[in-house]
Amino acid sequence: MDITDDLIDHIAHLSRLNFDGDKKTVIKNDMEKMIQFVDQLNKIDTEDVEPLIFMSEAINVLREDIVKSEITQEEALKNATHKDSDYFKIAKVLDVK
C-alpha cells in the first residue's frame, strides 16, 4: 500500500487534524513503518494456531447487577451549567455535512 500525501490529508481530515509539511513527512514515514510491520505479521504461518478469545486465562469476576437508589431528573439537572428544559445542553461534538 502506498502512503500518499492525499491519503495523509484524507486521514487528517477524518481525524480533524492539521499537519504542516514537516509533520506530514514524519506521519507518512511512521505509517509506512506500520504498514511494513503489518505486512511482516501477515507472512507468519498461523494455520495450526488456535485462535485466542482472551489474551490470558484470567476470568473477570462480575458483581451482581442490583438497582440502587436513583436520583430524579431535577436532581441530575440541578448543577448543570447549561440545560434546555429537561436535558443537559452541551457543545456541538460532531460536524454533520
N, C-alpha and C. Protein backbone atom coordinates (compact mmCIF):
# COMPACT_ATOMS: atom_id res chain seq x y z
N MET A 1 0.85 -1.18 0.00
CA MET A 1 0.00 0.00 0.00
C MET A 1 0.89 1.24 0.00
N ASP A 2 0.62 2.13 -0.91
CA ASP A 2 1.39 3.36 -0.99
C ASP A 2 0.75 4.43 -0.11
N ILE A 3 1.55 5.06 0.70
CA ILE A 3 1.09 6.16 1.55
C ILE A 3 1.38 7.45 0.79
N THR A 4 0.34 8.08 0.30
CA THR A 4 0.48 9.31 -0.47
C THR A 4 0.09 10.51 0.39
N ASP A 5 0.44 11.69 -0.11
CA ASP A 5 0.03 12.91 0.59
C ASP A 5 -1.49 13.03 0.63
N ASP A 6 -2.14 12.58 -0.45
CA ASP A 6 -3.61 12.62 -0.47
C ASP A 6 -4.20 11.73 0.62
N LEU A 7 -3.61 10.55 0.82
CA LEU A 7 -4.08 9.65 1.87
C LEU A 7 -3.87 10.29 3.24
N ILE A 8 -2.71 10.90 3.46
CA ILE A 8 -2.44 11.57 4.73
C ILE A 8 -3.44 12.70 4.95
N ASP A 9 -3.71 13.48 3.90
CA ASP A 9 -4.68 14.57 4.00
C ASP A 9 -6.07 14.04 4.33
N HIS A 10 -6.44 12.93 3.70
CA HIS A 10 -7.76 12.33 3.94
C HIS A 10 -7.89 11.84 5.38
N ILE A 11 -6.88 11.14 5.86
CA ILE A 11 -6.90 10.64 7.24
C ILE A 11 -6.90 11.81 8.22
N ALA A 12 -6.13 12.85 7.91
CA ALA A 12 -6.09 14.03 8.78
C ALA A 12 -7.47 14.70 8.82
N HIS A 13 -8.13 14.76 7.67
CA HIS A 13 -9.47 15.35 7.62
C HIS A 13 -10.44 14.53 8.46
N LEU A 14 -10.41 13.21 8.31
CA LEU A 14 -11.30 12.35 9.09
C LEU A 14 -11.03 12.47 10.58
N SER A 15 -9.77 12.70 10.94
CA SER A 15 -9.37 12.81 12.35
C SER A 15 -9.51 14.23 12.86
N ARG A 16 -9.87 15.15 11.98
CA ARG A 16 -9.95 16.57 12.32
C ARG A 16 -8.61 17.10 12.83
N LEU A 17 -7.53 16.69 12.11
CA LEU A 17 -6.18 17.13 12.45
C LEU A 17 -5.61 17.92 11.28
N ASN A 18 -4.66 18.77 11.57
CA ASN A 18 -3.96 19.53 10.52
C ASN A 18 -2.47 19.27 10.65
N PHE A 19 -1.82 18.93 9.53
CA PHE A 19 -0.38 18.69 9.52
C PHE A 19 0.28 19.65 8.56
N ASP A 20 1.38 20.26 8.99
CA ASP A 20 2.16 21.07 8.07
C ASP A 20 3.10 20.15 7.29
N GLY A 21 3.91 20.70 6.41
CA GLY A 21 4.76 19.89 5.54
C GLY A 21 5.71 18.97 6.27
N ASP A 22 6.41 19.47 7.29
CA ASP A 22 7.37 18.64 8.02
C ASP A 22 6.67 17.54 8.80
N LYS A 23 5.59 17.89 9.46
CA LYS A 23 4.86 16.91 10.26
C LYS A 23 4.24 15.84 9.35
N LYS A 24 3.78 16.26 8.17
CA LYS A 24 3.19 15.31 7.22
C LYS A 24 4.22 14.27 6.78
N THR A 25 5.46 14.69 6.60
CA THR A 25 6.53 13.76 6.23
C THR A 25 6.79 12.75 7.34
N VAL A 26 6.81 13.22 8.58
CA VAL A 26 7.02 12.33 9.72
C VAL A 26 5.87 11.32 9.82
N ILE A 27 4.64 11.80 9.67
CA ILE A 27 3.46 10.92 9.73
C ILE A 27 3.52 9.89 8.61
N LYS A 28 3.90 10.33 7.42
CA LYS A 28 4.00 9.42 6.27
C LYS A 28 5.02 8.32 6.54
N ASN A 29 6.19 8.68 7.06
CA ASN A 29 7.22 7.69 7.37
C ASN A 29 6.75 6.71 8.44
N ASP A 30 6.08 7.23 9.48
CA ASP A 30 5.57 6.36 10.54
C ASP A 30 4.52 5.38 10.00
N MET A 31 3.64 5.88 9.14
CA MET A 31 2.61 5.00 8.58
C MET A 31 3.22 3.92 7.70
N GLU A 32 4.26 4.27 6.94
CA GLU A 32 4.93 3.28 6.10
C GLU A 32 5.56 2.19 6.96
N LYS A 33 6.16 2.59 8.09
CA LYS A 33 6.74 1.60 9.01
C LYS A 33 5.67 0.68 9.59
N MET A 34 4.51 1.26 9.92
CA MET A 34 3.41 0.44 10.46
C MET A 34 2.91 -0.56 9.42
N ILE A 35 2.77 -0.11 8.19
CA ILE A 35 2.31 -0.99 7.11
C ILE A 35 3.31 -2.11 6.89
N GLN A 36 4.61 -1.79 6.90
CA GLN A 36 5.64 -2.82 6.74
C GLN A 36 5.58 -3.84 7.87
N PHE A 37 5.35 -3.39 9.09
CA PHE A 37 5.25 -4.30 10.23
C PHE A 37 4.04 -5.22 10.08
N VAL A 38 2.91 -4.67 9.67
CA VAL A 38 1.71 -5.50 9.48
C VAL A 38 1.94 -6.49 8.34
N ASP A 39 2.64 -6.07 7.30
CA ASP A 39 2.97 -7.00 6.21
C ASP A 39 3.80 -8.17 6.72
N GLN A 40 4.74 -7.89 7.63
CA GLN A 40 5.54 -8.97 8.22
C GLN A 40 4.65 -9.91 9.03
N LEU A 41 3.71 -9.36 9.77
CA LEU A 41 2.79 -10.20 10.55
C LEU A 41 1.93 -11.07 9.64
N ASN A 42 1.54 -10.53 8.50
CA ASN A 42 0.71 -11.30 7.56
C ASN A 42 1.46 -12.48 6.96
N LYS A 43 2.79 -12.45 6.97
CA LYS A 43 3.58 -13.55 6.41
C LYS A 43 3.71 -14.73 7.37
N ILE A 44 3.37 -14.54 8.63
CA ILE A 44 3.51 -15.60 9.63
C ILE A 44 2.47 -16.67 9.39
N ASP A 45 2.92 -17.94 9.41
CA ASP A 45 2.00 -19.07 9.23
C ASP A 45 1.27 -19.34 10.54
N THR A 46 -0.03 -19.13 10.53
CA THR A 46 -0.85 -19.36 11.72
C THR A 46 -1.86 -20.47 11.48
N GLU A 47 -1.57 -21.32 10.52
CA GLU A 47 -2.51 -22.38 10.13
C GLU A 47 -2.88 -23.30 11.30
N ASP A 48 -1.90 -23.73 12.08
CA ASP A 48 -2.17 -24.67 13.17
C ASP A 48 -2.29 -24.00 14.54
N VAL A 49 -2.48 -22.70 14.55
CA VAL A 49 -2.58 -21.97 15.81
C VAL A 49 -4.06 -21.74 16.13
N GLU A 50 -4.44 -22.15 17.33
CA GLU A 50 -5.83 -21.97 17.75
C GLU A 50 -6.09 -20.49 18.03
N PRO A 51 -7.19 -19.95 17.52
CA PRO A 51 -7.49 -18.54 17.77
C PRO A 51 -7.71 -18.26 19.25
N LEU A 52 -7.25 -17.10 19.68
CA LEU A 52 -7.43 -16.69 21.07
C LEU A 52 -8.66 -15.80 21.18
N ILE A 53 -9.43 -16.05 22.20
CA ILE A 53 -10.53 -15.14 22.51
C ILE A 53 -10.05 -14.13 23.53
N PHE A 54 -9.28 -14.61 24.50
CA PHE A 54 -8.71 -13.75 25.53
C PHE A 54 -7.20 -13.95 25.54
N MET A 55 -6.48 -12.92 25.93
CA MET A 55 -5.03 -12.99 25.93
C MET A 55 -4.48 -13.76 27.13
N SER A 56 -5.28 -13.93 28.17
CA SER A 56 -4.82 -14.65 29.34
C SER A 56 -5.92 -15.58 29.84
N GLU A 57 -5.57 -16.39 30.81
CA GLU A 57 -6.53 -17.33 31.38
C GLU A 57 -7.37 -16.69 32.49
N ALA A 58 -7.07 -15.46 32.83
CA ALA A 58 -7.80 -14.78 33.90
C ALA A 58 -9.27 -14.62 33.51
N ILE A 59 -10.12 -14.75 34.49
CA ILE A 59 -11.56 -14.64 34.26
C ILE A 59 -12.07 -13.43 35.03
N ASN A 60 -12.90 -12.64 34.37
CA ASN A 60 -13.49 -11.49 35.04
C ASN A 60 -14.50 -11.95 36.09
N VAL A 61 -14.40 -11.37 37.25
CA VAL A 61 -15.38 -11.63 38.29
C VAL A 61 -16.31 -10.43 38.30
N LEU A 62 -17.54 -10.68 37.91
CA LEU A 62 -18.50 -9.59 37.79
C LEU A 62 -19.39 -9.53 39.02
N ARG A 63 -19.78 -8.33 39.38
CA ARG A 63 -20.69 -8.18 40.50
C ARG A 63 -22.12 -8.36 40.01
N GLU A 64 -22.99 -8.66 40.93
CA GLU A 64 -24.40 -8.79 40.59
C GLU A 64 -24.94 -7.39 40.29
N ASP A 65 -25.76 -7.29 39.28
CA ASP A 65 -26.31 -6.00 38.88
C ASP A 65 -27.57 -5.72 39.70
N ILE A 66 -27.41 -4.91 40.72
CA ILE A 66 -28.51 -4.60 41.62
C ILE A 66 -28.87 -3.13 41.46
N VAL A 67 -30.14 -2.85 41.27
CA VAL A 67 -30.60 -1.47 41.15
C VAL A 67 -30.58 -0.85 42.53
N LYS A 68 -29.93 0.29 42.63
CA LYS A 68 -29.86 1.01 43.90
C LYS A 68 -30.62 2.32 43.74
N SER A 69 -30.57 3.13 44.77
CA SER A 69 -31.33 4.38 44.72
C SER A 69 -30.88 5.22 43.53
N GLU A 70 -31.82 5.87 42.94
CA GLU A 70 -31.53 6.70 41.78
C GLU A 70 -31.90 8.13 42.08
N ILE A 71 -31.38 9.04 41.29
CA ILE A 71 -31.71 10.44 41.51
C ILE A 71 -32.78 10.85 40.52
N THR A 72 -33.51 11.88 40.87
CA THR A 72 -34.57 12.36 39.99
C THR A 72 -33.95 13.20 38.89
N GLN A 73 -34.75 13.47 37.89
CA GLN A 73 -34.29 14.29 36.77
C GLN A 73 -33.92 15.70 37.26
N GLU A 74 -34.70 16.22 38.18
CA GLU A 74 -34.43 17.54 38.72
C GLU A 74 -33.09 17.57 39.46
N GLU A 75 -32.81 16.52 40.23
CA GLU A 75 -31.53 16.45 40.96
C GLU A 75 -30.36 16.35 39.99
N ALA A 76 -30.54 15.61 38.91
CA ALA A 76 -29.47 15.45 37.92
C ALA A 76 -29.16 16.77 37.24
N LEU A 77 -30.19 17.55 36.96
CA LEU A 77 -30.01 18.81 36.25
C LEU A 77 -29.69 19.98 37.18
N LYS A 78 -29.77 19.75 38.48
CA LYS A 78 -29.63 20.83 39.46
C LYS A 78 -28.31 21.59 39.29
N ASN A 79 -27.21 20.90 39.09
CA ASN A 79 -25.90 21.55 38.99
C ASN A 79 -25.42 21.76 37.56
N ALA A 80 -26.27 21.51 36.59
CA ALA A 80 -25.88 21.67 35.19
C ALA A 80 -25.68 23.14 34.89
N THR A 81 -24.56 23.46 34.25
CA THR A 81 -24.31 24.86 33.90
C THR A 81 -25.19 25.29 32.73
N HIS A 82 -25.47 24.35 31.83
CA HIS A 82 -26.33 24.66 30.69
C HIS A 82 -27.36 23.55 30.57
N LYS A 83 -28.62 23.94 30.51
CA LYS A 83 -29.68 22.96 30.33
C LYS A 83 -30.76 23.56 29.46
N ASP A 84 -31.52 22.69 28.82
CA ASP A 84 -32.61 23.10 27.96
C ASP A 84 -33.82 22.27 28.38
N SER A 85 -34.67 22.86 29.16
CA SER A 85 -35.86 22.18 29.68
C SER A 85 -35.45 20.98 30.52
N ASP A 86 -35.61 19.77 29.99
CA ASP A 86 -35.32 18.55 30.75
C ASP A 86 -34.03 17.87 30.33
N TYR A 87 -33.15 18.58 29.61
CA TYR A 87 -31.96 17.95 29.05
C TYR A 87 -30.71 18.75 29.37
N PHE A 88 -29.56 18.04 29.43
CA PHE A 88 -28.27 18.72 29.52
C PHE A 88 -27.98 19.33 28.16
N LYS A 89 -27.43 20.52 28.14
CA LYS A 89 -27.06 21.17 26.89
C LYS A 89 -25.54 21.21 26.83
N ILE A 90 -24.97 20.63 25.78
CA ILE A 90 -23.52 20.56 25.64
C ILE A 90 -23.08 21.19 24.33
N ALA A 91 -21.80 21.44 24.22
CA ALA A 91 -21.25 22.00 22.98
C ALA A 91 -21.35 20.96 21.87
N LYS A 92 -21.44 21.44 20.65
CA LYS A 92 -21.52 20.56 19.49
C LYS A 92 -20.27 19.70 19.40
N VAL A 93 -20.45 18.39 19.21
CA VAL A 93 -19.33 17.46 19.17
C VAL A 93 -19.05 17.00 17.75
N LEU A 94 -20.07 16.66 17.01
CA LEU A 94 -19.91 16.14 15.65
C LEU A 94 -20.26 17.20 14.63
N ASP A 95 -19.52 17.21 13.55
CA ASP A 95 -19.77 18.14 12.46
C ASP A 95 -20.46 17.38 11.35
N VAL A 96 -21.76 17.60 11.18
CA VAL A 96 -22.54 16.87 10.18
C VAL A 96 -22.56 17.69 8.90
N LYS A 97 -22.24 17.00 7.79
CA LYS A 97 -22.22 17.70 6.49
C LYS A 97 -23.30 17.17 5.60
